[in-house]
């Protein structure tokens, strides 16, 4: 679908994401806030965007004790990472090819009967499992750094996991404020979903996958990316179909 043929709401969404050129975490937050203000509660993308917004605000407003070890690297990573999300939305709305990892999420955004937390986790699955390794490589290349498991960059990366764990109670409250969300929590569905897909574990695997990709070039690299994308797409469909 060409942008000119979109609904009025999706045309506005396209205008937001296609012109987003964030340079700071504050810029990323402003773009996500604009998306949140635009999308209605019935749009599943709203709940992934809301969760992502909360995570980004947590990183920006609540640094670990002693501060970030390499704030320039972390800011660059956040900006590049968010840019991949904005591009995926813009490409989808413009009818351009998008990764399989994002396809299920975007195709289901108006499907009734899917809980908010399913949309949120399906989006995080696509963004972390597919996009994060690419954002890590792009950031390291741009800043000419080679992080290791003992580097300041990895310390900051791990510190984000601690922030995510601290944020989780507020996140679950936000995602369980509608009837479906409350029902999901009462029947234990939320707990089963979180056991099925763990955000922090996905971030750990993304770091390892970035290391793996960095050692590849040409067809082997493309093959690894395609395999990862296919697997992530399967996971997204499983999350959205979870009952």
C-alpha atoms as a PDB file:
ATOM      1  CA  UNK A   1       0.000   0.000   0.000  1.00  0.00           C
ATOM      2  CA  UNK A   2       1.348   3.390  -0.957  1.00  0.00           C
ATOM      3  CA  UNK A   3       1.335   6.107   1.735  1.00  0.00           C
ATOM      4  CA  UNK A   4      -1.162   8.146  -0.322  1.00  0.00           C
ATOM      5  CA  UNK A   5      -3.692   5.287  -0.009  1.00  0.00           C
ATOM      6  CA  UNK A   6      -3.435   4.921   3.763  1.00  0.00           C
ATOM      7  CA  UNK A   7      -6.159   5.746   6.244  1.00  0.00           C
ATOM      8  CA  UNK A   8      -5.958   9.177   7.791  1.00  0.00           C
ATOM      9  CA  UNK A   9      -4.561   7.722  11.047  1.00  0.00           C
ATOM     10  CA  UNK A  10      -1.932   5.627   9.277  1.00  0.00           C
ATOM     11  CA  UNK A  11      -0.983   8.557   7.063  1.00  0.00           C
ATOM     12  CA  UNK A  12      -0.302  10.545  10.227  1.00  0.00           C
ATOM     13  CA  UNK A  13       1.673   7.615  11.630  1.00  0.00           C
ATOM     14  CA  UNK A  14       3.680   7.404   8.416  1.00  0.00           C
ATOM     15  CA  UNK A  15       4.440  11.119   8.601  1.00  0.00           C
ATOM     16  CA  UNK A  16       5.781  10.683  12.140  1.00  0.00           C
ATOM     17  CA  UNK A  17       8.015   7.671  11.534  1.00  0.00           C
ATOM     18  CA  UNK A  18       9.220   8.573   8.039  1.00  0.00           C
ATOM     19  CA  UNK A  19      10.504  11.966   9.171  1.00  0.00           C
ATOM     20  CA  UNK A  20      11.976  10.799  12.499  1.00  0.00           C
ATOM     21  CA  UNK A  21      15.717  11.511  12.623  1.00  0.00           C
ATOM     22  CA  UNK A  22      16.536  11.155  16.331  1.00  0.00           C
ATOM     23  CA  UNK A  23      19.959  12.215  17.532  1.00  0.00           C
ATOM     24  CA  UNK A  24      19.358  11.895  21.271  1.00  0.00           C
ATOM     25  CA  UNK A  25      17.329   9.692  23.600  1.00  0.00           C
ATOM     26  CA  UNK A  26      15.072  12.711  24.181  1.00  0.00           C
ATOM     27  CA  UNK A  27      14.367  12.759  20.438  1.00  0.00           C
ATOM     28  CA  UNK A  28      13.485   9.065  20.514  1.00  0.00           C
ATOM     29  CA  UNK A  29      11.121   9.621  23.440  1.00  0.00           C
ATOM     30  CA  UNK A  30       9.432  12.552  21.664  1.00  0.00           C
ATOM     31  CA  UNK A  31       8.763  10.433  18.575  1.00  0.00           C
ATOM     32  CA  UNK A  32       7.370   7.561  20.655  1.00  0.00           C
ATOM     33  CA  UNK A  33       5.165   9.989  22.570  1.00  0.00           C
ATOM     34  CA  UNK A  34       3.789  11.322  19.293  1.00  0.00           C
ATOM     35  CA  UNK A  35       2.996   7.759  18.186  1.00  0.00           C
ATOM     36  CA  UNK A  36       1.357   6.986  21.526  1.00  0.00           C
ATOM     37  CA  UNK A  37      -0.811  10.101  21.326  1.00  0.00           C
ATOM     38  CA  UNK A  38      -1.929   9.186  17.811  1.00  0.00           C
ATOM     39  CA  UNK A  39      -2.779   5.490  18.099  1.00  0.00           C
ATOM     40  CA  UNK A  40      -6.106   4.380  19.621  1.00  0.00           C
ATOM     41  CA  UNK A  41      -6.279   1.611  22.248  1.00  0.00           C
ATOM     42  CA  UNK A  42      -7.611  -0.797  19.614  1.00  0.00           C
ATOM     43  CA  UNK A  43      -4.361  -0.615  17.663  1.00  0.00           C
ATOM     44  CA  UNK A  44      -1.958  -3.307  18.885  1.00  0.00           C
ATOM     45  CA  UNK A  45       1.060  -1.254  17.843  1.00  0.00           C
ATOM     46  CA  UNK A  46       0.154   1.212  20.582  1.00  0.00           C
ATOM     47  CA  UNK A  47       1.018  -1.313  23.284  1.00  0.00           C
ATOM     48  CA  UNK A  48       4.409  -2.244  21.914  1.00  0.00           C
ATOM     49  CA  UNK A  49       5.176   1.455  21.439  1.00  0.00           C
ATOM     50  CA  UNK A  50       3.976   2.237  24.989  1.00  0.00           C
ATOM     51  CA  UNK A  51       6.150  -0.497  26.480  1.00  0.00           C
ATOM     52  CA  UNK A  52       9.145   0.643  24.422  1.00  0.00           C
ATOM     53  CA  UNK A  53       8.511   4.232  25.516  1.00  0.00           C
ATOM     54  CA  UNK A  54       8.482   3.212  29.187  1.00  0.00           C
ATOM     55  CA  UNK A  55      11.735   1.282  28.765  1.00  0.00           C
ATOM     56  CA  UNK A  56      13.419   4.198  26.982  1.00  0.00           C
ATOM     57  CA  UNK A  57      12.298   6.673  29.646  1.00  0.00           C
ATOM     58  CA  UNK A  58      13.650   4.350  32.318  1.00  0.00           C
ATOM     59  CA  UNK A  59      17.054   4.300  30.620  1.00  0.00           C
ATOM     60  CA  UNK A  60      17.044   8.078  30.188  1.00  0.00           C
ATOM     61  CA  UNK A  61      15.762   9.101  33.613  1.00  0.00           C
ATOM     62  CA  UNK A  62      17.123   6.371  35.895  1.00  0.00           C
ATOM     63  CA  UNK A  63      20.794   5.645  35.244  1.00  0.00           C
ATOM     64  CA  UNK A  64      22.469   3.073  37.510  1.00  0.00           C
ATOM     65  CA  UNK A  65      24.280   4.157  40.646  1.00  0.00           C
ATOM     66  CA  UNK A  66      27.469   5.858  39.573  1.00  0.00           C
ATOM     67  CA  UNK A  67      26.069   6.621  36.120  1.00  0.00           C
ATOM     68  CA  UNK A  68      26.670   4.978  32.783  1.00  0.00           C
ATOM     69  CA  UNK A  69      30.198   3.806  32.020  1.00  0.00           C
ATOM     70  CA  UNK A  70      30.043   4.896  28.374  1.00  0.00           C
ATOM     71  CA  UNK A  71      27.023   7.188  27.936  1.00  0.00           C
ATOM     72  CA  UNK A  72      27.995   8.110  24.369  1.00  0.00           C
ATOM     73  CA  UNK A  73      27.870   4.471  23.316  1.00  0.00           C
ATOM     74  CA  UNK A  74      24.580   3.834  25.102  1.00  0.00           C
ATOM     75  CA  UNK A  75      22.955   6.915  23.565  1.00  0.00           C
ATOM     76  CA  UNK A  76      24.143   5.939  20.103  1.00  0.00           C
ATOM     77  CA  UNK A  77      22.820   2.412  20.585  1.00  0.00           C
ATOM     78  CA  UNK A  78      19.414   3.664  21.742  1.00  0.00           C
ATOM     79  CA  UNK A  79      19.116   6.070  18.813  1.00  0.00           C
ATOM     80  CA  UNK A  80      20.178   3.531  16.174  1.00  0.00           C
ATOM     81  CA  UNK A  81      17.967   0.847  17.728  1.00  0.00           C
ATOM     82  CA  UNK A  82      14.879   3.056  17.789  1.00  0.00           C
ATOM     83  CA  UNK A  83      15.585   4.139  14.225  1.00  0.00           C
ATOM     84  CA  UNK A  84      15.199   0.526  13.078  1.00  0.00           C
ATOM     85  CA  UNK A  85      11.738   0.425  14.676  1.00  0.00           C
ATOM     86  CA  UNK A  86      10.664   3.672  13.028  1.00  0.00           C
ATOM     87  CA  UNK A  87      11.977   2.442   9.675  1.00  0.00           C
ATOM     88  CA  UNK A  88      10.128  -0.871   9.978  1.00  0.00           C
ATOM     89  CA  UNK A  89       6.835   0.952  10.562  1.00  0.00           C
ATOM     90  CA  UNK A  90       7.488   3.375   7.699  1.00  0.00           C
ATOM     91  CA  UNK A  91       8.413   0.566   5.308  1.00  0.00           C
ATOM     92  CA  UNK A  92       5.306  -1.418   6.231  1.00  0.00           C
ATOM     93  CA  UNK A  93       3.016   1.562   5.695  1.00  0.00           C
ATOM     94  CA  UNK A  94       4.729   2.368   2.396  1.00  0.00           C
ATOM     95  CA  UNK A  95       4.309  -1.198   1.143  1.00  0.00           C
ATOM     96  CA  UNK A  96       8.036  -1.859   1.079  1.00  0.00           C
ATOM     97  CA  UNK A  97       9.524  -5.233   2.107  1.00  0.00           C
ATOM     98  CA  UNK A  98       9.926  -5.674   5.860  1.00  0.00           C
ATOM     99  CA  UNK A  99      11.534  -8.409   7.965  1.00  0.00           C
ATOM    100  CA  UNK A 100       9.380 -11.454   8.679  1.00  0.00           C
ATOM    101  CA  UNK A 101       9.966 -10.744  12.366  1.00  0.00           C
ATOM    102  CA  UNK A 102       7.850  -7.566  12.058  1.00  0.00           C
ATOM    103  CA  UNK A 103       5.251  -8.859   9.582  1.00  0.00           C
ATOM    104  CA  UNK A 104       3.111 -10.789  12.064  1.00  0.00           C
ATOM    105  CA  UNK A 105       2.999  -7.855  14.489  1.00  0.00           C
ATOM    106  CA  UNK A 106       1.955  -5.293  11.886  1.00  0.00           C
ATOM    107  CA  UNK A 107      -0.513  -7.605  10.147  1.00  0.00           C
ATOM    108  CA  UNK A 108      -2.282  -8.348  13.454  1.00  0.00           C
ATOM    109  CA  UNK A 109      -2.367  -4.844  14.933  1.00  0.00           C
ATOM    110  CA  UNK A 110      -6.158  -4.482  14.423  1.00  0.00           C
ATOM    111  CA  UNK A 111      -7.088  -8.110  15.157  1.00  0.00           C
ATOM    112  CA  UNK A 112      -9.590  -8.382  18.037  1.00  0.00           C
ATOM    113  CA  UNK A 113      -9.091 -10.859  20.862  1.00  0.00           C
ATOM    114  CA  UNK A 114      -5.329 -10.397  21.233  1.00  0.00           C
ATOM    115  CA  UNK A 115      -4.264  -9.090  24.642  1.00  0.00           C
ATOM    116  CA  UNK A 116      -2.195  -5.954  25.052  1.00  0.00           C
ATOM    117  CA  UNK A 117       0.727  -7.871  26.517  1.00  0.00           C
ATOM    118  CA  UNK A 118       0.790 -10.138  23.447  1.00  0.00           C
ATOM    119  CA  UNK A 119       1.155  -7.141  21.144  1.00  0.00           C
ATOM    120  CA  UNK A 120       3.806  -5.646  23.421  1.00  0.00           C
ATOM    121  CA  UNK A 121       5.874  -8.827  23.595  1.00  0.00           C
ATOM    122  CA  UNK A 122       5.453  -9.608  19.889  1.00  0.00           C
ATOM    123  CA  UNK A 123       6.894  -6.185  19.125  1.00  0.00           C
ATOM    124  CA  UNK A 124       9.729  -6.605  21.596  1.00  0.00           C
ATOM    125  CA  UNK A 125      10.445 -10.034  20.120  1.00  0.00           C
ATOM    126  CA  UNK A 126      10.823  -8.538  16.641  1.00  0.00           C
ATOM    127  CA  UNK A 127      12.796  -5.536  17.790  1.00  0.00           C
ATOM    128  CA  UNK A 128      15.221  -7.322  20.109  1.00  0.00           C
ATOM    129  CA  UNK A 129      15.671 -10.644  18.323  1.00  0.00           C
ATOM    130  CA  UNK A 130      15.990  -9.109  14.871  1.00  0.00           C
ATOM    131  CA  UNK A 131      17.051  -5.467  15.270  1.00  0.00           C
ATOM    132  CA  UNK A 132      19.230  -5.300  18.363  1.00  0.00           C
ATOM    133  CA  UNK A 133      22.214  -7.220  16.975  1.00  0.00           C
ATOM    134  CA  UNK A 134      22.188  -4.955  13.907  1.00  0.00           C
ATOM    135  CA  UNK A 135      22.032  -1.869  16.132  1.00  0.00           C
ATOM    136  CA  UNK A 136      24.953  -3.140  18.211  1.00  0.00           C
ATOM    137  CA  UNK A 137      27.107  -3.698  15.136  1.00  0.00           C
ATOM    138  CA  UNK A 138      26.201  -0.305  13.644  1.00  0.00           C
ATOM    139  CA  UNK A 139      26.940   1.467  16.934  1.00  0.00           C
ATOM    140  CA  UNK A 140      30.276  -0.249  17.462  1.00  0.00           C
ATOM    141  CA  UNK A 141      31.275   0.519  13.894  1.00  0.00           C
ATOM    142  CA  UNK A 142      30.249   4.179  14.112  1.00  0.00           C
ATOM    143  CA  UNK A 143      32.168   4.703  17.357  1.00  0.00           C
ATOM    144  CA  UNK A 144      35.056   2.396  16.438  1.00  0.00           C
ATOM    145  CA  UNK A 145      34.770   0.291  19.569  1.00  0.00           C
ATOM    146  CA  UNK A 146      34.975  -3.466  20.093  1.00  0.00           C
ATOM    147  CA  UNK A 147      33.110  -4.282  23.304  1.00  0.00           C
ATOM    148  CA  UNK A 148      33.977  -7.376  25.328  1.00  0.00           C
ATOM    149  CA  UNK A 149      32.326  -9.025  28.310  1.00  0.00           C
ATOM    150  CA  UNK A 150      34.580  -6.941  30.592  1.00  0.00           C
ATOM    151  CA  UNK A 151      34.170  -3.626  28.759  1.00  0.00           C
ATOM    152  CA  UNK A 152      32.263  -0.534  29.970  1.00  0.00           C
ATOM    153  CA  UNK A 153      29.808  -1.040  27.113  1.00  0.00           C
ATOM    154  CA  UNK A 154      28.822  -4.512  28.260  1.00  0.00           C
ATOM    155  CA  UNK A 155      28.482  -3.240  31.836  1.00  0.00           C
ATOM    156  CA  UNK A 156      26.018  -0.615  30.604  1.00  0.00           C
ATOM    157  CA  UNK A 157      24.219  -3.190  28.477  1.00  0.00           C
ATOM    158  CA  UNK A 158      23.750  -5.432  31.499  1.00  0.00           C
ATOM    159  CA  UNK A 159      22.639  -2.492  33.635  1.00  0.00           C
ATOM    160  CA  UNK A 160      19.727  -1.973  31.251  1.00  0.00           C
ATOM    161  CA  UNK A 161      18.526  -5.478  32.158  1.00  0.00           C
ATOM    162  CA  UNK A 162      18.400  -4.435  35.808  1.00  0.00           C
ATOM    163  CA  UNK A 163      16.302  -1.401  34.850  1.00  0.00           C
ATOM    164  CA  UNK A 164      13.955  -3.628  32.861  1.00  0.00           C
ATOM    165  CA  UNK A 165      13.440  -5.929  35.837  1.00  0.00           C
ATOM    166  CA  UNK A 166      12.674  -2.931  38.048  1.00  0.00           C
ATOM    167  CA  UNK A 167      10.198  -1.624  35.496  1.00  0.00           C
ATOM    168  CA  UNK A 168       8.305  -4.881  35.011  1.00  0.00           C
ATOM    169  CA  UNK A 169       5.624  -4.400  37.749  1.00  0.00           C
ATOM    170  CA  UNK A 170       4.586  -1.009  36.321  1.00  0.00           C
ATOM    171  CA  UNK A 171       4.661  -2.476  32.835  1.00  0.00           C
ATOM    172  CA  UNK A 172       2.330  -5.324  33.742  1.00  0.00           C
ATOM    173  CA  UNK A 173      -0.063  -2.929  35.463  1.00  0.00           C
ATOM    174  CA  UNK A 174      -0.194  -0.770  32.327  1.00  0.00           C
ATOM    175  CA  UNK A 175      -0.767  -3.756  30.052  1.00  0.00           C
ATOM    176  CA  UNK A 176      -3.514  -5.239  32.246  1.00  0.00           C
ATOM    177  CA  UNK A 177      -5.819  -2.229  32.590  1.00  0.00           C
ATOM    178  CA  UNK A 178      -8.422  -3.366  30.034  1.00  0.00           C
ATOM    179  CA  UNK A 179     -10.821  -6.302  30.371  1.00  0.00           C
ATOM    180  CA  UNK A 180      -8.708  -8.660  28.317  1.00  0.00           C
ATOM    181  CA  UNK A 181      -5.582  -7.696  30.205  1.00  0.00           C
ATOM    182  CA  UNK A 182      -7.165  -8.271  33.601  1.00  0.00           C
ATOM    183  CA  UNK A 183      -8.511 -11.629  32.430  1.00  0.00           C
ATOM    184  CA  UNK A 184      -5.078 -12.591  31.153  1.00  0.00           C
ATOM    185  CA  UNK A 185      -3.524 -11.807  34.512  1.00  0.00           C
ATOM    186  CA  UNK A 186      -6.265 -13.582  36.496  1.00  0.00           C
ATOM    187  CA  UNK A 187      -5.909 -16.793  34.518  1.00  0.00           C
ATOM    188  CA  UNK A 188      -2.128 -16.779  34.696  1.00  0.00           C
ATOM    189  CA  UNK A 189      -1.678 -16.026  31.019  1.00  0.00           C
ATOM    190  CA  UNK A 190       0.714 -13.145  31.689  1.00  0.00           C
ATOM    191  CA  UNK A 191       3.008 -15.365  33.751  1.00  0.00           C
ATOM    192  CA  UNK A 192       2.988 -18.064  31.076  1.00  0.00           C
ATOM    193  CA  UNK A 193       3.782 -15.520  28.366  1.00  0.00           C
ATOM    194  CA  UNK A 194       6.697 -14.116  30.353  1.00  0.00           C
ATOM    195  CA  UNK A 195       8.015 -17.621  30.907  1.00  0.00           C
ATOM    196  CA  UNK A 196       7.667 -18.274  27.176  1.00  0.00           C
ATOM    197  CA  UNK A 197       9.503 -15.101  26.113  1.00  0.00           C
ATOM    198  CA  UNK A 198      12.024 -13.399  28.419  1.00  0.00           C
ATOM    199  CA  UNK A 199      13.094  -9.868  27.421  1.00  0.00           C
ATOM    200  CA  UNK A 200      16.387  -9.892  29.311  1.00  0.00           C
ATOM    201  CA  UNK A 201      17.351 -13.305  27.975  1.00  0.00           C
ATOM    202  CA  UNK A 202      16.565 -12.084  24.458  1.00  0.00           C
ATOM    203  CA  UNK A 203      18.920  -9.129  24.994  1.00  0.00           C
ATOM    204  CA  UNK A 204      21.694 -11.487  26.115  1.00  0.00           C
ATOM    205  CA  UNK A 205      21.231 -13.592  22.978  1.00  0.00           C
ATOM    206  CA  UNK A 206      21.226 -10.469  20.798  1.00  0.00           C
ATOM    207  CA  UNK A 207      24.690  -9.549  22.134  1.00  0.00           C
ATOM    208  CA  UNK A 208      25.961 -13.022  21.262  1.00  0.00           C
ATOM    209  CA  UNK A 209      24.341 -12.896  17.838  1.00  0.00           C
ATOM    210  CA  UNK A 210      26.010  -9.546  17.129  1.00  0.00           C
ATOM    211  CA  UNK A 211      29.369 -11.138  17.931  1.00  0.00           C
ATOM    212  CA  UNK A 212      28.528 -13.989  15.579  1.00  0.00           C
ATOM    213  CA  UNK A 213      27.454 -11.675  12.749  1.00  0.00           C
ATOM    214  CA  UNK A 214      30.598  -9.605  13.129  1.00  0.00           C
ATOM    215  CA  UNK A 215      32.641 -12.648  12.167  1.00  0.00           C
ATOM    216  CA  UNK A 216      30.629 -13.252   8.994  1.00  0.00           C
ATOM    217  CA  UNK A 217      30.476 -11.597   5.582  1.00  0.00           C
ATOM    218  CA  UNK A 218      28.741 -12.122   2.255  1.00  0.00           C
ATOM    219  CA  UNK A 219      26.372 -15.080   1.808  1.00  0.00           C
ATOM    220  CA  UNK A 220      27.070 -16.664   5.235  1.00  0.00           C
ATOM    221  CA  UNK A 221      26.076 -13.405   6.941  1.00  0.00           C
ATOM    222  CA  UNK A 222      22.930 -13.084   4.834  1.00  0.00           C
ATOM    223  CA  UNK A 223      22.050 -16.712   5.585  1.00  0.00           C
ATOM    224  CA  UNK A 224      22.443 -16.153   9.348  1.00  0.00           C
ATOM    225  CA  UNK A 225      20.283 -13.020   9.219  1.00  0.00           C
ATOM    226  CA  UNK A 226      17.574 -14.758   7.196  1.00  0.00           C
ATOM    227  CA  UNK A 227      17.511 -17.718   9.576  1.00  0.00           C
ATOM    228  CA  UNK A 228      17.269 -15.428  12.589  1.00  0.00           C
ATOM    229  CA  UNK A 229      14.497 -13.404  10.942  1.00  0.00           C
ATOM    230  CA  UNK A 230      12.499 -16.515  10.094  1.00  0.00           C
ATOM    231  CA  UNK A 231      12.797 -17.875  13.632  1.00  0.00           C
ATOM    232  CA  UNK A 232      11.804 -14.516  15.106  1.00  0.00           C
ATOM    233  CA  UNK A 233       8.759 -14.393  12.836  1.00  0.00           C
ATOM    234  CA  UNK A 234       7.684 -17.829  14.054  1.00  0.00           C
ATOM    235  CA  UNK A 235       8.046 -16.652  17.658  1.00  0.00           C
ATOM    236  CA  UNK A 236       5.973 -13.544  16.940  1.00  0.00           C
ATOM    237  CA  UNK A 237       3.131 -15.601  15.531  1.00  0.00           C
ATOM    238  CA  UNK A 238       3.289 -17.938  18.536  1.00  0.00           C
ATOM    239  CA  UNK A 239       3.119 -15.009  20.963  1.00  0.00           C
ATOM    240  CA  UNK A 240       0.144 -13.470  19.152  1.00  0.00           C
ATOM    241  CA  UNK A 241      -1.682 -16.821  19.056  1.00  0.00           C
ATOM    242  CA  UNK A 242      -0.920 -17.618  22.707  1.00  0.00           C
ATOM    243  CA  UNK A 243      -3.974 -18.600  24.753  1.00  0.00           C
END
